[in-house]
Amino acid sequence: MKNTISTEDKLLGRKVDYPKQYAPEVLVAVPRKVNREQYGISEPPTEFIGLDTWHAYEVGFLTENGLPVTGLLKLVYPSDSSFLVESKSLKLYLNSFNMSSYGKDRKSGIEQVTGMIKNDLEALLKCEVKLAFFDKESEVAGHDFQDFMVMEDTLELESIQFNDFSENPELLKPSKSGEKELKLATHLLRSNCKVTHQPDWGSAFVLIEGETLPEPTGLLEYIVSFRNENHFHEEICEMLYKRLWDKFQPEKLMVTCVYTRRGGIDICPSRASHAQLLPVNLISPEKLSSKLLRQ
């Protein structure tokens, strides 16, 4: 039986040896409801739909004749699941395949290993998990955010005084431009691990439509104010979404946070008011999306 715990520090912040053989018992599920209660998000959420996309870059095993197989594993599962998988436990679990043999050749080995991973994660998270294994470079990688305005490239940053480094929704101000749609991005997102407080770096993408929209300078200041927050990636994305949802009551809203990899894994949560707003390439397990500079 898999571990389902209410505390996140079973593995984080502790010295843990890598398993030497297949070890599904190291997987840890973290309840989503704790942070959602704090920020007034219903459980399961009614404010948004969404998906969590994970890229694991350090996945490998041996075939029956000892041939190493390596690649990138992409995982996608829904945000309305009761749990998320703790990232260090996933890293340890994936590394437990490294020195074991699966399949007579690469193809059969990949099928066997991905089938085991899918079954174990679905048993842990109590939801459907979609995944794909990439052992070759993709010829074409889709880009979901090419038409988003990067705020630090267009705003006069020298005129902005950044003083808040703990989440401050008061920084969000209504725009006077009269625009009804904004597609804004920043690569200045930084938050910290909920348990170890190690820094996590990322990019945030916001699509918002409605009668009242956020003023871009205030939005950038607000995202910068996450700098000293200690939360999981998924929680940061939902906090940003919920603040915008409550403050501006938009007709449509999408927030995606693309974090850089740490420990061989990156986590990219997406939340949206409508399914068609979700980033198509990022949330599709069979596709690889274009990487950002720091990925």
C-alpha atoms as a PDB file:
ATOM      1  CA  MET A   1       0.000   0.000   0.000  1.00  0.00           C
ATOM      2  CA  LYS A   2       1.343   3.448  -0.944  1.00  0.00           C
ATOM      3  CA  ASN A   3       2.044   6.163   1.620  1.00  0.00           C
ATOM      4  CA  THR A   4      -0.541   8.938   1.830  1.00  0.00           C
ATOM      5  CA  ILE A   5       0.467  11.513   4.419  1.00  0.00           C
ATOM      6  CA  SER A   6      -0.614  14.933   5.592  1.00  0.00           C
ATOM      7  CA  THR A   7       2.923  16.169   6.245  1.00  0.00           C
ATOM      8  CA  GLU A   8       5.294  17.032   3.418  1.00  0.00           C
ATOM      9  CA  ASP A   9       8.607  16.469   5.181  1.00  0.00           C
ATOM     10  CA  LYS A  10       8.913  12.688   5.127  1.00  0.00           C
ATOM     11  CA  LEU A  11      11.720  12.962   2.558  1.00  0.00           C
ATOM     12  CA  LEU A  12      12.289  16.670   1.992  1.00  0.00           C
ATOM     13  CA  GLY A  13      15.165  18.127   3.961  1.00  0.00           C
ATOM     14  CA  ARG A  14      16.405  14.680   4.965  1.00  0.00           C
ATOM     15  CA  LYS A  15      19.321  12.613   3.746  1.00  0.00           C
ATOM     16  CA  VAL A  16      17.805   9.631   1.937  1.00  0.00           C
ATOM     17  CA  ASP A  17      19.728   6.947   0.045  1.00  0.00           C
ATOM     18  CA  TYR A  18      18.681   6.127  -3.487  1.00  0.00           C
ATOM     19  CA  PRO A  19      16.839   2.789  -3.713  1.00  0.00           C
ATOM     20  CA  LYS A  20      18.915   0.089  -5.358  1.00  0.00           C
ATOM     21  CA  GLN A  21      15.862  -1.669  -6.805  1.00  0.00           C
ATOM     22  CA  TYR A  22      12.255  -0.954  -7.744  1.00  0.00           C
ATOM     23  CA  ALA A  23      10.718   0.853  -4.770  1.00  0.00           C
ATOM     24  CA  PRO A  24       7.126   2.113  -5.184  1.00  0.00           C
ATOM     25  CA  GLU A  25       6.880   2.403  -1.408  1.00  0.00           C
ATOM     26  CA  VAL A  26       8.972   5.609  -1.428  1.00  0.00           C
ATOM     27  CA  LEU A  27       6.233   7.557  -3.250  1.00  0.00           C
ATOM     28  CA  VAL A  28       4.512  10.168  -1.101  1.00  0.00           C
ATOM     29  CA  ALA A  29       1.149  11.814  -1.781  1.00  0.00           C
ATOM     30  CA  VAL A  30       0.541  15.339  -0.444  1.00  0.00           C
ATOM     31  CA  PRO A  31      -3.052  16.548   0.125  1.00  0.00           C
ATOM     32  CA  ARG A  32      -3.949  19.646  -1.899  1.00  0.00           C
ATOM     33  CA  LYS A  33      -6.677  20.790   0.487  1.00  0.00           C
ATOM     34  CA  VAL A  34      -4.409  22.277   3.176  1.00  0.00           C
ATOM     35  CA  ASN A  35      -3.205  25.210   1.093  1.00  0.00           C
ATOM     36  CA  ARG A  36      -6.553  25.584  -0.654  1.00  0.00           C
ATOM     37  CA  GLU A  37      -8.305  26.076   2.671  1.00  0.00           C
ATOM     38  CA  GLN A  38      -5.862  28.848   3.557  1.00  0.00           C
ATOM     39  CA  TYR A  39      -6.605  30.787   0.360  1.00  0.00           C
ATOM     40  CA  GLY A  40     -10.335  30.140   0.155  1.00  0.00           C
ATOM     41  CA  ILE A  41     -10.182  27.723  -2.773  1.00  0.00           C
ATOM     42  CA  SER A  42     -12.962  25.151  -2.754  1.00  0.00           C
ATOM     43  CA  GLU A  43     -12.118  21.457  -2.632  1.00  0.00           C
ATOM     44  CA  PRO A  44     -12.517  20.138  -5.249  1.00  0.00           C
ATOM     45  CA  PRO A  45     -12.038  23.492  -6.991  1.00  0.00           C
ATOM     46  CA  THR A  46     -14.986  25.210  -8.651  1.00  0.00           C
ATOM     47  CA  GLU A  47     -12.949  28.317  -9.534  1.00  0.00           C
ATOM     48  CA  PHE A  48     -10.788  26.594 -12.110  1.00  0.00           C
ATOM     49  CA  ILE A  49      -9.908  23.478 -14.000  1.00  0.00           C
ATOM     50  CA  GLY A  50      -6.314  22.549 -14.582  1.00  0.00           C
ATOM     51  CA  LEU A  51      -3.496  20.096 -15.014  1.00  0.00           C
ATOM     52  CA  ASP A  52      -0.073  19.575 -13.509  1.00  0.00           C
ATOM     53  CA  THR A  53       2.644  18.794 -16.039  1.00  0.00           C
ATOM     54  CA  TRP A  54       5.917  17.239 -14.896  1.00  0.00           C
ATOM     55  CA  HIS A  55       9.050  16.633 -16.953  1.00  0.00           C
ATOM     56  CA  ALA A  56      11.508  14.138 -15.470  1.00  0.00           C
ATOM     57  CA  TYR A  57      14.837  14.368 -17.286  1.00  0.00           C
ATOM     58  CA  GLU A  58      16.741  11.643 -15.434  1.00  0.00           C
ATOM     59  CA  VAL A  59      14.825   8.457 -16.182  1.00  0.00           C
ATOM     60  CA  GLY A  60      16.579   5.259 -17.166  1.00  0.00           C
ATOM     61  CA  PHE A  61      16.739   1.491 -16.845  1.00  0.00           C
ATOM     62  CA  LEU A  62      18.468  -1.527 -18.379  1.00  0.00           C
ATOM     63  CA  THR A  63      17.127  -3.985 -20.912  1.00  0.00           C
ATOM     64  CA  GLU A  64      17.503  -7.706 -20.236  1.00  0.00           C
ATOM     65  CA  ASN A  65      20.878  -7.704 -21.998  1.00  0.00           C
ATOM     66  CA  GLY A  66      22.138  -4.803 -19.882  1.00  0.00           C
ATOM     67  CA  LEU A  67      21.683  -2.031 -22.459  1.00  0.00           C
ATOM     68  CA  PRO A  68      20.988   1.311 -20.740  1.00  0.00           C
ATOM     69  CA  VAL A  69      17.871   3.161 -21.867  1.00  0.00           C
ATOM     70  CA  THR A  70      17.531   6.839 -20.970  1.00  0.00           C
ATOM     71  CA  GLY A  71      15.019   9.527 -21.792  1.00  0.00           C
ATOM     72  CA  LEU A  72      12.570  12.168 -20.657  1.00  0.00           C
ATOM     73  CA  LEU A  73       9.346  11.195 -18.953  1.00  0.00           C
ATOM     74  CA  LYS A  74       6.401  13.596 -19.224  1.00  0.00           C
ATOM     75  CA  LEU A  75       3.578  13.217 -16.695  1.00  0.00           C
ATOM     76  CA  VAL A  76       0.215  14.993 -16.729  1.00  0.00           C
ATOM     77  CA  TYR A  77      -2.539  14.662 -14.130  1.00  0.00           C
ATOM     78  CA  PRO A  78      -5.583  16.769 -13.151  1.00  0.00           C
ATOM     79  CA  SER A  79      -5.620  19.502 -10.536  1.00  0.00           C
ATOM     80  CA  ASP A  80      -8.897  18.233  -9.101  1.00  0.00           C
ATOM     81  CA  SER A  81      -7.129  15.157  -7.748  1.00  0.00           C
ATOM     82  CA  SER A  82      -7.051  15.106  -3.954  1.00  0.00           C
ATOM     83  CA  PHE A  83      -3.285  14.693  -3.911  1.00  0.00           C
ATOM     84  CA  LEU A  84      -0.116  15.731  -5.672  1.00  0.00           C
ATOM     85  CA  VAL A  85       3.041  13.624  -5.688  1.00  0.00           C
ATOM     86  CA  GLU A  86       5.934  14.955  -3.600  1.00  0.00           C
ATOM     87  CA  SER A  87       8.804  15.678  -5.989  1.00  0.00           C
ATOM     88  CA  LYS A  88      11.721  14.187  -4.050  1.00  0.00           C
ATOM     89  CA  SER A  89       9.806  10.955  -3.553  1.00  0.00           C
ATOM     90  CA  LEU A  90       9.152  10.831  -7.308  1.00  0.00           C
ATOM     91  CA  LYS A  91      12.848  11.376  -8.008  1.00  0.00           C
ATOM     92  CA  LEU A  92      13.821   8.528  -5.669  1.00  0.00           C
ATOM     93  CA  TYR A  93      11.137   6.297  -7.168  1.00  0.00           C
ATOM     94  CA  LEU A  94      12.207   6.928 -10.764  1.00  0.00           C
ATOM     95  CA  ASN A  95      15.838   6.286  -9.876  1.00  0.00           C
ATOM     96  CA  SER A  96      14.840   2.923  -8.393  1.00  0.00           C
ATOM     97  CA  PHE A  97      14.505   1.645 -11.985  1.00  0.00           C
ATOM     98  CA  ASN A  98      18.093   2.524 -12.924  1.00  0.00           C
ATOM     99  CA  MET A  99      19.894  -0.759 -12.272  1.00  0.00           C
ATOM    100  CA  SER A 100      17.078  -3.202 -12.971  1.00  0.00           C
ATOM    101  CA  SER A 101      16.301  -4.964 -16.258  1.00  0.00           C
ATOM    102  CA  TYR A 102      13.067  -4.592 -18.210  1.00  0.00           C
ATOM    103  CA  GLY A 103      12.195  -5.904 -21.662  1.00  0.00           C
ATOM    104  CA  LYS A 104      14.114  -7.729 -24.357  1.00  0.00           C
ATOM    105  CA  ASP A 105      14.663  -4.501 -26.271  1.00  0.00           C
ATOM    106  CA  ARG A 106      14.215  -0.740 -25.864  1.00  0.00           C
ATOM    107  CA  LYS A 107      10.611  -0.679 -27.039  1.00  0.00           C
ATOM    108  CA  SER A 108       9.349  -3.460 -24.805  1.00  0.00           C
ATOM    109  CA  GLY A 109      11.353  -2.116 -21.869  1.00  0.00           C
ATOM    110  CA  ILE A 110       9.864   1.361 -22.249  1.00  0.00           C
ATOM    111  CA  GLU A 111       6.366  -0.098 -22.435  1.00  0.00           C
ATOM    112  CA  GLN A 112       6.935  -2.148 -19.297  1.00  0.00           C
ATOM    113  CA  VAL A 113       8.490   0.656 -17.241  1.00  0.00           C
ATOM    114  CA  THR A 114       5.963   3.324 -18.255  1.00  0.00           C
ATOM    115  CA  GLY A 115       3.136   0.904 -17.491  1.00  0.00           C
ATOM    116  CA  MET A 116       4.518   0.336 -14.000  1.00  0.00           C
ATOM    117  CA  ILE A 117       4.955   4.065 -13.393  1.00  0.00           C
ATOM    118  CA  LYS A 118       1.427   4.825 -14.583  1.00  0.00           C
ATOM    119  CA  ASN A 119      -0.091   2.131 -12.341  1.00  0.00           C
ATOM    120  CA  ASP A 120       1.891   3.212  -9.276  1.00  0.00           C
ATOM    121  CA  LEU A 121       1.083   6.908  -9.653  1.00  0.00           C
ATOM    122  CA  GLU A 122      -2.595   6.290 -10.314  1.00  0.00           C
ATOM    123  CA  ALA A 123      -2.781   4.113  -7.190  1.00  0.00           C
ATOM    124  CA  LEU A 124      -1.038   6.842  -5.185  1.00  0.00           C
ATOM    125  CA  LEU A 125      -2.977   9.845  -6.487  1.00  0.00           C
ATOM    126  CA  LYS A 126      -6.359   8.171  -7.052  1.00  0.00           C
ATOM    127  CA  CYS A 127      -6.715   9.751 -10.505  1.00  0.00           C
ATOM    128  CA  GLU A 128      -5.790   9.152 -14.119  1.00  0.00           C
ATOM    129  CA  VAL A 129      -2.157   9.890 -14.953  1.00  0.00           C
ATOM    130  CA  LYS A 130      -1.156  10.334 -18.589  1.00  0.00           C
ATOM    131  CA  LEU A 131       2.467   9.913 -19.516  1.00  0.00           C
ATOM    132  CA  ALA A 132       4.890   9.516 -22.385  1.00  0.00           C
ATOM    133  CA  PHE A 133       8.555   8.558 -22.635  1.00  0.00           C
ATOM    134  CA  PHE A 134      10.775  10.442 -25.074  1.00  0.00           C
ATOM    135  CA  ASP A 135      14.100   8.868 -25.980  1.00  0.00           C
ATOM    136  CA  LYS A 136      14.761  11.056 -29.039  1.00  0.00           C
ATOM    137  CA  GLU A 137      14.809  14.788 -29.621  1.00  0.00           C
ATOM    138  CA  SER A 138      11.502  16.096 -30.900  1.00  0.00           C
ATOM    139  CA  GLU A 139      11.804  17.562 -34.396  1.00  0.00           C
ATOM    140  CA  VAL A 140       9.146  20.164 -33.650  1.00  0.00           C
ATOM    141  CA  ALA A 141       8.376  21.547 -30.223  1.00  0.00           C
ATOM    142  CA  GLY A 142       5.225  23.592 -29.784  1.00  0.00           C
ATOM    143  CA  HIS A 143       5.225  27.029 -28.183  1.00  0.00           C
ATOM    144  CA  ASP A 144       2.140  28.016 -26.186  1.00  0.00           C
ATOM    145  CA  PHE A 145       3.066  31.544 -25.156  1.00  0.00           C
ATOM    146  CA  GLN A 146       4.648  33.255 -28.167  1.00  0.00           C
ATOM    147  CA  ASP A 147       2.107  36.103 -28.173  1.00  0.00           C
ATOM    148  CA  PHE A 148       2.407  36.944 -24.462  1.00  0.00           C
ATOM    149  CA  MET A 149       4.001  40.267 -23.521  1.00  0.00           C
ATOM    150  CA  VAL A 150       6.988  39.815 -21.218  1.00  0.00           C
ATOM    151  CA  MET A 151       6.499  42.567 -18.690  1.00  0.00           C
ATOM    152  CA  GLU A 152      10.143  43.138 -17.757  1.00  0.00           C
ATOM    153  CA  ASP A 153      10.929  43.683 -21.452  1.00  0.00           C
ATOM    154  CA  THR A 154       8.244  46.324 -21.964  1.00  0.00           C
ATOM    155  CA  LEU A 155       7.743  48.136 -18.650  1.00  0.00           C
ATOM    156  CA  GLU A 156      10.039  50.877 -17.384  1.00  0.00           C
ATOM    157  CA  LEU A 157      11.513  48.834 -14.559  1.00  0.00           C
ATOM    158  CA  GLU A 158      13.788  51.635 -13.350  1.00  0.00           C
ATOM    159  CA  SER A 159      10.723  53.639 -12.329  1.00  0.00           C
ATOM    160  CA  ILE A 160       9.291  50.802 -10.222  1.00  0.00           C
ATOM    161  CA  GLN A 161      10.266  50.460  -6.575  1.00  0.00           C
ATOM    162  CA  PHE A 162      10.061  46.792  -5.584  1.00  0.00           C
ATOM    163  CA  ASN A 163       9.575  46.655  -1.822  1.00  0.00           C
ATOM    164  CA  ASP A 164       7.328  43.646  -1.198  1.00  0.00           C
ATOM    165  CA  PHE A 165       8.856  40.183  -1.139  1.00  0.00           C
ATOM    166  CA  SER A 166       6.088  38.380   0.731  1.00  0.00           C
ATOM    167  CA  GLU A 167       2.822  37.819  -1.107  1.00  0.00           C
ATOM    168  CA  ASN A 168       0.861  41.071  -1.129  1.00  0.00           C
ATOM    169  CA  PRO A 169      -2.402  41.136  -3.146  1.00  0.00           C
ATOM    170  CA  GLU A 170      -2.777  44.857  -2.392  1.00  0.00           C
ATOM    171  CA  LEU A 171      -0.237  45.406  -5.186  1.00  0.00           C
ATOM    172  CA  LEU A 172      -2.857  44.361  -7.749  1.00  0.00           C
ATOM    173  CA  LYS A 173      -4.455  47.515  -9.137  1.00  0.00           C
ATOM    174  CA  PRO A 174      -7.101  47.949 -11.870  1.00  0.00           C
ATOM    175  CA  SER A 175      -5.878  49.194 -15.215  1.00  0.00           C
ATOM    176  CA  LYS A 176      -7.213  52.421 -16.680  1.00  0.00           C
ATOM    177  CA  SER A 177      -6.327  51.456 -20.260  1.00  0.00           C
ATOM    178  CA  GLY A 178      -9.789  50.192 -21.158  1.00  0.00           C
ATOM    179  CA  GLU A 179      -8.385  46.957 -22.598  1.00  0.00           C
ATOM    180  CA  LYS A 180     -10.569  43.863 -22.336  1.00  0.00           C
ATOM    181  CA  GLU A 181      -7.851  41.224 -22.749  1.00  0.00           C
ATOM    182  CA  LEU A 182      -4.282  40.914 -21.548  1.00  0.00           C
ATOM    183  CA  LYS A 183      -1.651  38.244 -22.209  1.00  0.00           C
ATOM    184  CA  LEU A 184       1.190  38.943 -19.821  1.00  0.00           C
ATOM    185  CA  ALA A 185       4.294  37.002 -18.859  1.00  0.00           C
ATOM    186  CA  THR A 186       7.313  37.329 -16.624  1.00  0.00           C
ATOM    187  CA  HIS A 187      10.462  35.293 -16.109  1.00  0.00           C
ATOM    188  CA  LEU A 188      11.024  36.865 -12.677  1.00  0.00           C
ATOM    189  CA  LEU A 189       8.964  34.378 -10.677  1.00  0.00           C
ATOM    190  CA  ARG A 190      10.758  33.035  -7.632  1.00  0.00           C
ATOM    191  CA  SER A 191       9.362  31.172  -4.653  1.00  0.00           C
ATOM    192  CA  ASN A 192      10.769  28.633  -2.221  1.00  0.00           C
ATOM    193  CA  CYS A 193      10.223  24.997  -1.369  1.00  0.00           C
ATOM    194  CA  LYS A 194       7.583  24.633   1.313  1.00  0.00           C
ATOM    195  CA  VAL A 195       9.789  22.472   3.542  1.00  0.00           C
ATOM    196  CA  THR A 196      13.456  23.064   2.704  1.00  0.00           C
ATOM    197  CA  HIS A 197      13.008  26.739   1.687  1.00  0.00           C
ATOM    198  CA  GLN A 198      15.360  26.177  -1.241  1.00  0.00           C
ATOM    199  CA  PRO A 199      14.677  28.643  -4.092  1.00  0.00           C
ATOM    200  CA  ASP A 200      12.511  27.694  -7.049  1.00  0.00           C
ATOM    201  CA  TRP A 201      12.781  29.777 -10.239  1.00  0.00           C
ATOM    202  CA  GLY A 202      10.169  30.055 -12.932  1.00  0.00           C
ATOM    203  CA  SER A 203       8.043  31.973 -15.403  1.00  0.00           C
ATOM    204  CA  ALA A 204       4.415  33.013 -15.013  1.00  0.00           C
ATOM    205  CA  PHE A 205       1.903  33.436 -17.845  1.00  0.00           C
ATOM    206  CA  VAL A 206      -1.435  35.168 -17.328  1.00  0.00           C
ATOM    207  CA  LEU A 207      -4.303  35.450 -19.816  1.00  0.00           C
ATOM    208  CA  ILE A 208      -7.216  37.483 -18.509  1.00  0.00           C
ATOM    209  CA  GLU A 209     -10.365  38.833 -20.163  1.00  0.00           C
ATOM    210  CA  GLY A 210     -13.024  41.039 -18.605  1.00  0.00           C
ATOM    211  CA  GLU A 211     -14.292  44.524 -17.912  1.00  0.00           C
ATOM    212  CA  THR A 212     -11.612  45.258 -15.314  1.00  0.00           C
ATOM    213  CA  LEU A 213      -8.056  44.033 -15.803  1.00  0.00           C
ATOM    214  CA  PRO A 214      -4.882  44.312 -13.715  1.00  0.00           C
ATOM    215  CA  GLU A 215      -2.424  47.104 -14.332  1.00  0.00           C
ATOM    216  CA  PRO A 216       0.743  45.358 -15.647  1.00  0.00           C
ATOM    217  CA  THR A 217       3.161  47.143 -13.303  1.00  0.00           C
ATOM    218  CA  GLY A 218       1.146  46.106 -10.263  1.00  0.00           C
ATOM    219  CA  LEU A 219       0.854  42.549 -11.579  1.00  0.00           C
ATOM    220  CA  LEU A 220       4.620  42.325 -11.974  1.00  0.00           C
ATOM    221  CA  GLU A 221       5.146  43.736  -8.478  1.00  0.00           C
ATOM    222  CA  TYR A 222       2.691  41.171  -7.137  1.00  0.00           C
ATOM    223  CA  ILE A 223       4.428  38.233  -8.820  1.00  0.00           C
ATOM    224  CA  VAL A 224       7.779  39.487  -7.509  1.00  0.00           C
ATOM    225  CA  SER A 225       6.228  39.517  -4.026  1.00  0.00           C
ATOM    226  CA  PHE A 226       6.198  35.699  -4.064  1.00  0.00           C
ATOM    227  CA  ARG A 227       9.976  35.818  -3.639  1.00  0.00           C
ATOM    228  CA  ASN A 228       9.945  34.871   0.036  1.00  0.00           C
ATOM    229  CA  GLU A 229       6.897  32.602  -0.087  1.00  0.00           C
ATOM    230  CA  ASN A 230       7.390  28.957   0.895  1.00  0.00           C
ATOM    231  CA  HIS A 231       4.972  26.863  -1.158  1.00  0.00           C
ATOM    232  CA  PHE A 232       4.887  24.068  -3.673  1.00  0.00           C
ATOM    233  CA  HIS A 233       4.781  25.081  -7.336  1.00  0.00           C
ATOM    234  CA  GLU A 234       1.139  24.059  -7.704  1.00  0.00           C
ATOM    235  CA  GLU A 235       0.175  26.182  -4.711  1.00  0.00           C
ATOM    236  CA  ILE A 236       1.895  29.289  -6.093  1.00  0.00           C
ATOM    237  CA  CYS A 237      -0.026  28.914  -9.371  1.00  0.00           C
ATOM    238  CA  GLU A 238      -3.340  28.545  -7.550  1.00  0.00           C
ATOM    239  CA  MET A 239      -2.640  31.491  -5.241  1.00  0.00           C
ATOM    240  CA  LEU A 240      -1.918  33.747  -8.228  1.00  0.00           C
ATOM    241  CA  TYR A 241      -5.048  32.522 -10.006  1.00  0.00           C
ATOM    242  CA  LYS A 242      -7.290  32.959  -6.946  1.00  0.00           C
ATOM    243  CA  ARG A 243      -6.087  36.502  -6.211  1.00  0.00           C
ATOM    244  CA  LEU A 244      -6.774  37.571  -9.811  1.00  0.00           C
ATOM    245  CA  TRP A 245     -10.118  35.779  -9.819  1.00  0.00           C
ATOM    246  CA  ASP A 246     -11.284  37.446  -6.613  1.00  0.00           C
ATOM    247  CA  LYS A 247      -9.930  40.914  -7.372  1.00  0.00           C
ATOM    248  CA  PHE A 248     -11.032  41.354 -10.988  1.00  0.00           C
ATOM    249  CA  GLN A 249     -13.858  38.810 -11.430  1.00  0.00           C
ATOM    250  CA  PRO A 250     -12.818  38.156 -15.041  1.00  0.00           C
ATOM    251  CA  GLU A 251     -14.842  36.447 -17.723  1.00  0.00           C
ATOM    252  CA  LYS A 252     -11.844  34.284 -18.600  1.00  0.00           C
ATOM    253  CA  LEU A 253      -8.613  33.571 -16.766  1.00  0.00           C
ATOM    254  CA  MET A 254      -5.607  31.315 -17.284  1.00  0.00           C
ATOM    255  CA  VAL A 255      -2.472  31.119 -15.158  1.00  0.00           C
ATOM    256  CA  THR A 256       0.469  28.838 -15.958  1.00  0.00           C
ATOM    257  CA  CYS A 257       3.705  28.655 -13.994  1.00  0.00           C
ATOM    258  CA  VAL A 258       6.632  27.056 -15.803  1.00  0.00           C
ATOM    259  CA  TYR A 259       9.281  26.277 -13.218  1.00  0.00           C
ATOM    260  CA  THR A 260      12.875  25.381 -14.000  1.00  0.00           C
ATOM    261  CA  ARG A 261      14.098  21.912 -13.228  1.00  0.00           C
ATOM    262  CA  ARG A 262      15.541  21.054  -9.825  1.00  0.00           C
ATOM    263  CA  GLY A 263      16.768  17.587  -9.033  1.00  0.00           C
ATOM    264  CA  GLY A 264      16.150  16.553 -12.635  1.00  0.00           C
ATOM    265  CA  ILE A 265      12.435  17.407 -12.524  1.00  0.00           C
ATOM    266  CA  ASP A 266      10.416  20.467 -13.488  1.00  0.00           C
ATOM    267  CA  ILE A 267       6.804  21.091 -12.486  1.00  0.00           C
ATOM    268  CA  CYS A 268       4.515  23.248 -14.620  1.00  0.00           C
ATOM    269  CA  PRO A 269       0.993  23.754 -13.240  1.00  0.00           C
ATOM    270  CA  SER A 270      -1.795  25.339 -15.332  1.00  0.00           C
ATOM    271  CA  ARG A 271      -5.149  26.631 -14.075  1.00  0.00           C
ATOM    272  CA  ALA A 272      -7.946  28.105 -16.205  1.00  0.00           C
ATOM    273  CA  SER A 273     -11.595  29.102 -16.103  1.00  0.00           C
ATOM    274  CA  HIS A 274     -12.216  27.370 -19.447  1.00  0.00           C
ATOM    275  CA  ALA A 275     -10.580  24.248 -20.857  1.00  0.00           C
ATOM    276  CA  GLN A 276      -9.760  25.882 -24.207  1.00  0.00           C
ATOM    277  CA  LEU A 277      -7.482  28.379 -22.420  1.00  0.00           C
ATOM    278  CA  LEU A 278      -5.091  25.708 -21.152  1.00  0.00           C
ATOM    279  CA  PRO A 279      -1.725  25.602 -23.011  1.00  0.00           C
ATOM    280  CA  VAL A 280      -2.186  22.855 -25.590  1.00  0.00           C
ATOM    281  CA  ASN A 281       1.401  21.690 -25.998  1.00  0.00           C
ATOM    282  CA  LEU A 282       2.313  21.848 -22.322  1.00  0.00           C
ATOM    283  CA  ILE A 283      -0.641  19.768 -21.131  1.00  0.00           C
ATOM    284  CA  SER A 284      -0.434  17.178 -23.942  1.00  0.00           C
ATOM    285  CA  PRO A 285       1.569  14.176 -22.719  1.00  0.00           C
ATOM    286  CA  GLU A 286       2.488  13.126 -26.256  1.00  0.00           C
ATOM    287  CA  LYS A 287       3.990  16.539 -27.142  1.00  0.00           C
ATOM    288  CA  LEU A 288       7.097  18.371 -26.027  1.00  0.00           C
ATOM    289  CA  SER A 289       6.692  22.107 -25.686  1.00  0.00           C
ATOM    290  CA  SER A 290       9.427  24.646 -26.353  1.00  0.00           C
ATOM    291  CA  LYS A 291      11.746  25.192 -23.437  1.00  0.00           C
ATOM    292  CA  LEU A 292      12.509  28.524 -21.911  1.00  0.00           C
ATOM    293  CA  LEU A 293      16.008  29.905 -21.354  1.00  0.00           C
ATOM    294  CA  ARG A 294      16.395  28.592 -17.816  1.00  0.00           C
ATOM    295  CA  GLN A 295      14.846  25.179 -18.402  1.00  0.00           C
END
